[in-house]
Amino acid sequence: MSAVVCPGETSLNCSCCDGDKNLWNFLKWRWQRLFKEILPASAYNFPLATNDPQFLRNNRSRPTITWIGQSSLLIQLGGLNILTDPHFSERASPLTWFGPQRVVPTGLAFCDLPVIDLVLISHNHYDHLDQITIRKLVQRQEGPRIRFIVPAGLGRLLNQWGARQVTELTWWDSLTFGPAMVTAVPVQHWSRRGPFDGNQTRWAGFVVEAGGLRFFFNGDSGYSNTFKEIRNRLGVIDVAALPIGAYEPRWFMKDHHMDPEEAVQAHLDLEARLSIALHWGTFILTDEALDEPPQRLQGVLQDRAIPESVFRVLQHGETLLLDSIF
């Protein structure tokens, strides 16, 4: 199926983003998966990077990015501490005893987080929106002051979990928060949290402009022309956080999750000066081996003569000092 620009700005029930259309395909995939060899979590040994939590807690001047795992980042930009899709629980599931289990510990312990100013939530899937983590954030000392920015329709759920400062944005809406300008942008995905709420809330990526840098957080997305539109509307992206995993089988996942080849094309469409690989190596969600995405990414970069230094694969917990790159 060819990539299309999601028309969800006017309708949430478009063919490319409709979770309901995949019920039987989902069952087909799960049946086929019974006959595949899916490596268990014990087969992987991803090293944790040695970071400096004390520096991160005290830092308000240097721009940094730390990969916590999956799509969770700590971004320090323009004097703000920003979390994306924070997930510190053991499972990406509505249940604490069943469902995809974390393969590697969080790259930064929850207790080592600095004071958080802003949280960006891309959509409501369980590996991106974790109730336990949100409740723990709002219970911190700064919890009542944390601003949560979410796609349209998700505010009520976060309010139920105790979040007080919640702002909903629809695509291309912007919000000024302190020194930062945050714009919600369209990506090709879908939403669902239960059996009867398919596409009842929006999904989004976010562009954050602060401290002289323009940062793009994708969340989840299939490949589409929206990356070119984001660049055309908002300008060249300095740093893009792009998903490279959870893409097999392609017949089922293609519309919703990019593979490494498509992630590289998104990087080029955005004219990103630097991209960071997300959404791999943390939970066993799909059929490819957890260590396959970065290996494929390396091959794609070599084939297209793109330096690996401009599309970085981080270790869990690794911190990049952006002022040493730009």
Protein backbone atom coordinates (compact mmCIF):
# COMPACT_ATOMS: atom_id res chain seq x y z
CA MET A 1 0.00 0.00 0.00
CA SER A 2 1.48 3.35 -0.95
CA ALA A 3 2.01 6.01 1.68
CA VAL A 4 -0.61 8.73 1.80
CA VAL A 5 -1.05 11.98 3.62
CA CYS A 6 -3.50 11.31 6.44
CA PRO A 7 -6.64 13.41 5.98
CA GLY A 8 -7.37 13.24 9.69
CA GLU A 9 -7.38 17.04 10.01
CA THR A 10 -10.97 16.83 8.87
CA SER A 11 -11.81 13.24 9.81
CA LEU A 12 -10.41 10.78 12.32
CA ASN A 13 -11.82 7.86 10.34
CA CYS A 14 -9.44 7.85 7.40
CA SER A 15 -8.41 4.56 5.81
CA CYS A 16 -4.72 4.88 6.67
CA CYS A 17 -5.28 5.58 10.37
CA ASP A 18 -8.37 3.53 11.16
CA GLY A 19 -7.54 1.02 13.88
CA ASP A 20 -10.94 -0.66 13.51
CA LYS A 21 -10.22 -1.81 9.96
CA ASN A 22 -7.40 -4.00 11.26
CA LEU A 23 -9.38 -6.25 13.63
CA TRP A 24 -9.28 -9.27 11.37
CA ASN A 25 -5.79 -8.44 10.17
CA PHE A 26 -4.72 -8.25 13.81
CA LEU A 27 -6.13 -11.71 14.47
CA LYS A 28 -4.44 -13.01 11.30
CA TRP A 29 -1.11 -11.57 12.45
CA ARG A 30 -1.41 -13.06 15.93
CA TRP A 31 -2.27 -16.45 14.43
CA GLN A 32 0.71 -16.35 12.07
CA ARG A 33 2.94 -15.29 14.95
CA LEU A 34 2.25 -18.58 16.72
CA PHE A 35 4.33 -20.31 14.05
CA LYS A 36 7.27 -17.89 14.15
CA GLU A 37 10.32 -17.97 16.37
CA ILE A 38 10.11 -14.80 18.46
CA LEU A 39 13.18 -14.44 20.63
CA PRO A 40 12.46 -13.97 24.34
CA ALA A 41 13.64 -11.02 26.39
CA SER A 42 16.44 -13.17 27.83
CA ALA A 43 18.04 -13.35 24.36
CA TYR A 44 19.01 -9.67 24.51
CA ASN A 45 21.65 -7.86 26.50
CA PHE A 46 21.50 -4.16 25.69
CA PRO A 47 24.06 -2.22 27.72
CA LEU A 48 23.04 0.81 29.72
CA ALA A 49 25.04 3.96 29.17
CA THR A 50 26.71 5.58 32.14
CA ASN A 51 25.13 8.99 32.49
CA ASP A 52 25.39 11.73 35.10
CA PRO A 53 22.07 12.20 36.94
CA GLN A 54 23.52 14.95 39.15
CA PHE A 55 24.53 16.96 36.08
CA LEU A 56 21.07 16.47 34.54
CA ARG A 57 19.35 17.54 37.77
CA ASN A 58 21.41 20.71 38.00
CA ASN A 59 21.62 21.57 34.30
CA ARG A 60 19.54 24.46 32.99
CA SER A 61 21.98 25.92 30.50
CA ARG A 62 23.34 23.23 28.17
CA PRO A 63 20.99 21.60 25.61
CA THR A 64 20.90 17.83 26.10
CA ILE A 65 18.93 14.78 25.03
CA THR A 66 18.85 11.54 27.06
CA TRP A 67 17.20 8.37 25.76
CA ILE A 68 15.31 6.70 28.60
CA GLY A 69 13.87 3.91 26.42
CA GLN A 70 11.20 3.29 23.76
CA SER A 71 9.93 6.83 22.92
CA SER A 72 10.83 8.37 26.28
CA LEU A 73 13.35 11.19 26.14
CA LEU A 74 14.55 13.76 28.63
CA ILE A 75 15.17 16.92 26.61
CA GLN A 76 16.86 19.94 28.17
CA LEU A 77 16.29 22.88 25.87
CA GLY A 78 16.03 26.61 26.46
CA GLY A 79 16.33 26.10 30.21
CA LEU A 80 13.36 23.68 30.26
CA ASN A 81 13.27 20.01 31.27
CA ILE A 82 10.96 18.19 28.87
CA LEU A 83 9.81 14.55 28.85
CA THR A 84 8.37 12.83 25.77
CA ASP A 85 5.98 9.89 26.14
CA PRO A 86 7.35 9.09 29.62
CA HIS A 87 7.20 5.37 30.42
CA PHE A 88 8.91 4.04 33.54
CA SER A 89 6.74 0.96 34.21
CA GLU A 90 7.74 -2.67 33.73
CA ARG A 91 5.03 -3.40 31.15
CA ALA A 92 3.47 -1.64 28.18
CA SER A 93 0.03 -2.94 29.06
CA PRO A 94 -3.18 -2.09 30.90
CA LEU A 95 -2.19 -4.89 33.30
CA THR A 96 0.75 -4.92 35.70
CA TRP A 97 1.12 -8.72 35.48
CA PHE A 98 0.66 -9.40 31.75
CA GLY A 99 1.68 -7.84 28.46
CA PRO A 100 4.93 -6.69 26.84
CA GLN A 101 7.61 -6.53 29.51
CA ARG A 102 10.56 -4.17 29.59
CA VAL A 103 13.65 -5.89 28.20
CA VAL A 104 16.17 -3.39 29.56
CA PRO A 105 15.87 -1.12 32.60
CA THR A 106 15.03 2.53 32.07
CA GLY A 107 18.10 4.46 30.98
CA LEU A 108 17.47 7.01 33.71
CA ALA A 109 15.80 6.06 36.99
CA PHE A 110 12.59 7.90 37.81
CA CYS A 111 14.10 9.17 41.06
CA ASP A 112 17.01 10.66 39.10
CA LEU A 113 14.81 12.89 36.93
CA PRO A 114 15.38 16.62 37.27
CA VAL A 115 12.48 18.96 38.01
CA ILE A 116 10.15 18.48 35.03
CA ASP A 117 8.55 21.49 33.37
CA LEU A 118 6.83 20.06 30.31
CA VAL A 119 5.55 16.64 29.18
CA LEU A 120 4.63 15.84 25.57
CA ILE A 121 2.27 12.91 24.91
CA SER A 122 2.01 11.78 21.28
CA HIS A 123 -0.95 9.35 21.56
CA ASN A 124 -2.68 6.93 23.87
CA HIS A 125 -1.10 3.53 23.08
CA TYR A 126 0.22 1.76 26.16
CA ASP A 127 3.90 1.96 25.21
CA HIS A 128 3.55 5.76 24.93
CA LEU A 129 0.99 6.75 27.57
CA ASP A 130 1.54 4.99 30.89
CA GLN A 131 -0.90 5.66 33.71
CA ILE A 132 1.49 4.64 36.49
CA THR A 133 4.18 7.02 35.24
CA ILE A 134 1.77 9.94 34.83
CA ARG A 135 0.43 9.45 38.35
CA LYS A 136 3.98 9.33 39.73
CA LEU A 137 4.87 12.53 37.89
CA VAL A 138 1.91 14.48 39.25
CA GLN A 139 2.76 13.26 42.77
CA ARG A 140 6.24 14.79 42.61
CA GLN A 141 6.88 18.09 44.34
CA GLU A 142 6.64 19.98 41.05
CA GLY A 143 3.71 17.85 39.87
CA PRO A 144 1.00 20.52 40.12
CA ARG A 145 3.11 22.84 37.94
CA ILE A 146 4.01 20.36 35.18
CA ARG A 147 2.41 21.33 31.86
CA PHE A 148 1.18 18.35 29.85
CA ILE A 149 0.63 18.93 26.12
CA VAL A 150 -1.49 16.24 24.49
CA PRO A 151 -3.39 15.68 21.23
CA ALA A 152 -7.04 16.70 21.07
CA GLY A 153 -9.27 14.50 23.20
CA LEU A 154 -6.67 13.19 25.67
CA GLY A 155 -6.93 15.93 28.28
CA ARG A 156 -9.82 14.39 30.20
CA LEU A 157 -7.94 11.13 30.77
CA LEU A 158 -4.88 12.90 32.15
CA ASN A 159 -7.10 15.03 34.39
CA GLN A 160 -8.56 11.79 35.79
CA TRP A 161 -5.02 10.68 36.62
CA GLY A 162 -4.33 13.87 38.57
CA ALA A 163 -2.66 16.12 35.99
CA ARG A 164 -3.75 19.74 36.56
CA GLN A 165 -2.07 21.73 33.80
CA VAL A 166 -3.16 19.97 30.59
CA THR A 167 -3.36 21.61 27.17
CA GLU A 168 -4.85 19.87 24.14
CA LEU A 169 -3.54 20.77 20.70
CA THR A 170 -4.88 19.77 17.33
CA TRP A 171 -2.61 19.57 14.29
CA TRP A 172 -0.75 22.82 13.47
CA ASP A 173 -1.88 24.46 16.73
CA SER A 174 0.94 26.11 18.68
CA LEU A 175 1.47 27.01 22.32
CA THR A 176 4.06 29.27 23.90
CA PHE A 177 5.40 27.83 27.14
CA GLY A 178 8.07 29.97 28.75
CA PRO A 179 10.91 30.26 26.22
CA ALA A 180 9.52 27.44 24.04
CA MET A 181 7.09 27.34 21.15
CA VAL A 182 5.40 23.93 20.82
CA THR A 183 3.51 23.00 17.66
CA ALA A 184 1.48 19.81 17.23
CA VAL A 185 2.00 18.29 13.79
CA PRO A 186 0.26 15.50 11.85
CA VAL A 187 1.73 12.02 11.70
CA GLN A 188 0.23 8.88 10.18
CA HIS A 189 -0.96 6.69 13.03
CA TRP A 190 -4.10 5.89 15.06
CA SER A 191 -5.34 5.70 18.64
CA ARG A 192 -6.95 3.10 20.86
CA ARG A 193 -6.82 2.23 24.52
CA GLY A 194 -9.79 -0.09 24.91
CA PRO A 195 -12.10 -2.22 22.75
CA PHE A 196 -14.56 0.59 21.92
CA ASP A 197 -12.51 3.80 21.66
CA GLY A 198 -10.71 3.42 18.34
CA ASN A 199 -9.64 6.85 16.98
CA GLN A 200 -11.71 8.76 19.51
CA THR A 201 -8.67 10.84 20.41
CA ARG A 202 -6.05 12.45 18.17
CA TRP A 203 -2.39 11.52 17.79
CA ALA A 204 0.43 13.92 16.94
CA GLY A 205 4.10 14.69 16.68
CA PHE A 206 5.52 17.87 18.18
CA VAL A 207 7.99 20.51 17.07
CA VAL A 208 9.62 22.39 19.94
CA GLU A 209 11.53 25.60 19.23
CA ALA A 210 13.66 26.85 22.12
CA GLY A 211 17.20 27.89 22.82
CA GLY A 212 17.86 28.55 19.14
CA LEU A 213 17.09 24.92 18.16
CA ARG A 214 14.13 23.29 16.44
CA PHE A 215 13.39 19.78 17.77
CA PHE A 216 10.91 17.31 16.25
CA PHE A 217 9.44 14.44 18.29
CA ASN A 218 7.61 11.97 16.07
CA GLY A 219 5.90 9.64 18.53
CA ASP A 220 4.67 6.84 16.23
CA SER A 221 4.10 7.09 12.50
CA GLY A 222 4.01 5.31 9.22
CA TYR A 223 5.87 7.03 6.44
CA SER A 224 3.95 9.72 4.56
CA ASN A 225 4.39 13.11 2.91
CA THR A 226 3.68 14.82 6.22
CA PHE A 227 7.41 15.00 6.95
CA LYS A 228 7.92 17.19 3.88
CA GLU A 229 4.95 19.31 4.94
CA ILE A 230 6.39 19.78 8.44
CA ARG A 231 9.67 20.96 6.99
CA ASN A 232 7.93 23.27 4.49
CA ARG A 233 5.70 24.84 7.13
CA LEU A 234 8.08 25.06 10.09
CA GLY A 235 11.56 25.06 8.58
CA VAL A 236 14.59 22.82 8.71
CA ILE A 237 14.68 20.56 11.77
CA ASP A 238 17.82 20.66 13.89
CA VAL A 239 17.14 17.44 15.82
CA ALA A 240 14.54 14.80 14.90
CA ALA A 241 13.59 11.88 17.14
CA LEU A 242 12.35 9.20 14.74
CA PRO A 243 11.05 5.65 15.38
CA ILE A 244 12.92 2.83 13.65
CA GLY A 245 11.34 -0.30 15.19
CA ALA A 246 8.09 -2.29 15.56
CA TYR A 247 7.67 -2.70 11.79
CA GLU A 248 7.18 -6.44 11.08
CA PRO A 249 5.18 -7.91 9.46
CA ARG A 250 5.14 -5.13 6.87
CA TRP A 251 1.78 -6.14 5.42
CA PHE A 252 0.23 -5.23 8.78
CA MET A 253 2.53 -2.58 10.27
CA LYS A 254 3.51 -0.47 7.24
CA ASP A 255 0.77 2.16 7.54
CA HIS A 256 1.49 2.75 11.23
CA HIS A 257 5.21 2.12 11.88
CA MET A 258 8.23 3.10 9.80
CA ASP A 259 11.03 0.68 9.10
CA PRO A 260 14.65 1.94 9.08
CA GLU A 261 14.57 2.69 5.35
CA GLU A 262 11.50 4.87 5.77
CA ALA A 263 12.93 6.53 8.88
CA VAL A 264 15.97 7.59 6.85
CA GLN A 265 13.67 9.01 4.18
CA ALA A 266 11.78 10.94 6.88
CA HIS A 267 15.13 12.27 8.10
CA LEU A 268 15.87 13.51 4.58
CA ASP A 269 12.38 14.95 4.11
CA LEU A 270 12.77 16.97 7.30
CA GLU A 271 16.26 18.06 6.22
CA ALA A 272 17.24 17.20 9.78
CA ARG A 273 20.73 18.15 10.85
CA LEU A 274 20.68 15.28 13.36
CA SER A 275 18.27 12.40 13.93
CA ILE A 276 18.00 10.07 16.92
CA ALA A 277 16.55 6.56 16.68
CA LEU A 278 13.63 5.74 19.00
CA HIS A 279 11.03 3.00 19.46
CA TRP A 280 13.31 -0.02 19.45
CA GLY A 281 15.08 -2.31 21.91
CA THR A 282 12.74 -1.80 24.87
CA PHE A 283 9.56 -3.89 24.52
CA ILE A 284 8.90 -6.92 22.32
CA LEU A 285 5.90 -5.63 20.38
CA THR A 286 6.23 -7.01 16.85
CA ASP A 287 7.97 -9.77 14.89
CA GLU A 288 11.44 -8.42 14.11
CA ALA A 289 14.30 -9.12 16.49
CA LEU A 290 14.85 -6.24 18.92
CA ASP A 291 18.42 -5.70 17.75
CA GLU A 292 17.53 -5.72 14.04
CA PRO A 293 16.41 -2.08 13.60
CA PRO A 294 19.78 -0.44 14.38
CA GLN A 295 21.59 -2.99 12.20
CA ARG A 296 19.28 -2.26 9.28
CA LEU A 297 19.59 1.47 9.91
CA GLN A 298 23.38 1.22 9.69
CA GLY A 299 23.07 -0.59 6.34
CA VAL A 300 20.67 1.98 4.93
CA LEU A 301 22.94 4.85 5.93
CA GLN A 302 25.90 3.15 4.27
CA ASP A 303 23.93 2.44 1.10
CA ARG A 304 22.82 6.07 0.86
CA ALA A 305 26.25 7.50 1.76
CA ILE A 306 24.85 9.22 4.86
CA PRO A 307 27.27 9.53 7.80
CA GLU A 308 26.18 7.53 10.83
CA SER A 309 26.96 10.62 12.92
CA VAL A 310 23.84 12.38 11.56
CA PHE A 311 21.43 9.53 12.45
CA ARG A 312 22.47 8.37 15.90
CA VAL A 313 21.58 5.15 17.66
CA LEU A 314 21.94 5.75 21.38
CA GLN A 315 22.39 3.31 24.20
CA HIS A 316 19.61 3.30 26.77
CA GLY A 317 20.48 6.15 29.11
CA GLU A 318 22.95 7.86 26.81
CA THR A 319 23.05 11.66 26.95
CA LEU A 320 23.95 13.83 23.98
CA LEU A 321 25.33 17.31 24.63
CA LEU A 322 23.85 19.19 21.70
CA ASP A 323 26.11 22.22 22.06
CA SER A 324 29.06 19.94 21.33
CA ILE A 325 27.44 18.87 18.04
CA PHE A 326 26.05 22.12 16.63
